[in-house]
Amino acid sequence: MSLEGFKEYVEIARREFSQTKGPRLVILETYLEKAKEMLNVSKRKLKDFAKECGLCLANFTLYGKGLRHFLKKHRSQTISRNKAKQFEFVKFFLIKLY
């Protein structure tokens, strides 16, 4: 699958993600797993897509190269490494800000 397919999935999932109730990290884990299955790519390739598009895990929005800058300004949109450890996909997709 291509980068464009990933972007389309994120747009659809973002709308659903914002309306879904429940623990955010559980929902995020589910959407990342679904993306891997739907796009039929490896976890590594999916992370590469997410990195290239600048996917923010907290709100499932694409920021491109401005993601790190956005996260530094909006600390509330970051996900704690300790909380993410419980979730295989969420933990794998975390980025370092510094």
Protein backbone atom coordinates (compact mmCIF):
# COMPACT_ATOMS: atom_id res chain seq x y z
CA MET A 1 0.00 0.00 0.00
CA SER A 2 1.08 3.56 -0.52
CA LEU A 3 1.51 6.67 1.52
CA GLU A 4 -1.65 8.07 -0.07
CA GLY A 5 -3.60 5.04 1.18
CA PHE A 6 -2.29 5.70 4.67
CA LYS A 7 -3.33 9.36 4.51
CA GLU A 8 -6.84 8.37 3.39
CA TYR A 9 -7.14 5.87 6.24
CA VAL A 10 -6.00 8.47 8.78
CA GLU A 11 -8.61 10.98 7.55
CA ILE A 12 -11.42 8.45 7.93
CA ALA A 13 -10.12 7.13 11.24
CA ARG A 14 -9.60 10.64 12.65
CA ARG A 15 -13.30 11.44 12.27
CA GLU A 16 -14.27 8.19 13.98
CA PHE A 17 -11.53 8.58 16.61
CA SER A 18 -12.79 12.00 17.68
CA GLN A 19 -16.33 10.67 18.21
CA THR A 20 -15.40 7.42 19.98
CA LYS A 21 -15.77 7.28 23.74
CA GLY A 22 -13.51 5.26 25.99
CA PRO A 23 -9.85 5.11 27.01
CA ARG A 24 -7.90 6.98 24.31
CA LEU A 25 -4.87 4.68 24.26
CA VAL A 26 -7.03 1.57 23.87
CA ILE A 27 -8.85 3.21 20.95
CA LEU A 28 -5.56 4.40 19.43
CA GLU A 29 -4.08 0.90 19.70
CA THR A 30 -7.12 -0.50 17.88
CA TYR A 31 -6.87 2.04 15.05
CA LEU A 32 -3.16 1.42 14.55
CA GLU A 33 -3.74 -2.35 14.43
CA LYS A 34 -6.57 -1.86 11.91
CA ALA A 35 -4.34 0.35 9.76
CA LYS A 36 -1.68 -2.36 9.62
CA GLU A 37 -4.25 -4.96 8.58
CA MET A 38 -6.15 -2.77 6.11
CA LEU A 39 -3.03 -1.45 4.39
CA ASN A 40 -1.39 -4.89 4.49
CA VAL A 41 2.01 -3.54 5.54
CA SER A 42 4.50 -4.36 8.26
CA LYS A 43 4.49 -2.48 11.55
CA ARG A 44 7.83 -0.90 10.55
CA LYS A 45 6.42 0.34 7.21
CA LEU A 46 3.34 1.72 8.95
CA LYS A 47 5.57 3.63 11.37
CA ASP A 48 7.54 4.99 8.40
CA PHE A 49 4.28 6.25 6.86
CA ALA A 50 3.27 7.82 10.19
CA LYS A 51 6.65 9.50 10.56
CA GLU A 52 6.66 10.82 7.01
CA CYS A 53 3.16 12.26 7.42
CA GLY A 54 3.78 13.57 10.94
CA LEU A 55 0.94 11.63 12.60
CA CYS A 56 0.06 12.93 16.06
CA LEU A 57 -1.05 9.96 18.15
CA ALA A 58 -3.04 12.05 20.63
CA ASN A 59 -5.51 13.42 18.08
CA PHE A 60 -4.81 11.26 15.00
CA THR A 61 -4.06 14.33 12.87
CA LEU A 62 -1.33 14.73 10.24
CA TYR A 63 1.11 17.61 10.87
CA GLY A 64 3.87 16.71 8.45
CA LYS A 65 7.31 18.01 9.35
CA GLY A 66 5.73 20.38 11.89
CA LEU A 67 4.78 17.59 14.31
CA ARG A 68 7.69 18.04 16.71
CA HIS A 69 7.15 21.80 16.80
CA PHE A 70 3.43 21.29 17.45
CA LEU A 71 4.10 18.82 20.27
CA LYS A 72 6.62 21.11 21.93
CA LYS A 73 4.03 23.91 21.96
CA HIS A 74 1.10 21.69 22.97
CA ARG A 75 2.40 19.38 25.69
CA SER A 76 -1.13 18.12 26.35
CA GLN A 77 -0.97 16.32 22.99
CA THR A 78 1.98 14.15 24.02
CA ILE A 79 1.61 10.59 25.28
CA SER A 80 3.57 9.42 28.28
CA ARG A 81 6.05 6.62 27.62
CA ASN A 82 4.98 4.93 30.84
CA LYS A 83 1.32 4.86 29.77
CA ALA A 84 2.22 3.73 26.25
CA LYS A 85 4.24 0.73 27.51
CA GLN A 86 1.01 -1.23 27.96
CA PHE A 87 0.18 -0.99 24.25
CA GLU A 88 2.36 -2.65 21.62
CA PHE A 89 1.51 -0.36 18.69
CA VAL A 90 1.29 2.90 20.65
CA LYS A 91 4.68 2.25 22.25
CA PHE A 92 6.22 1.40 18.87
CA PHE A 93 4.94 4.63 17.28
CA LEU A 94 6.21 7.08 19.92
CA ILE A 95 8.79 9.62 18.80
CA LYS A 96 11.45 11.48 20.78
CA LEU A 97 10.91 15.21 21.01
CA TYR A 98 14.48 16.08 21.96
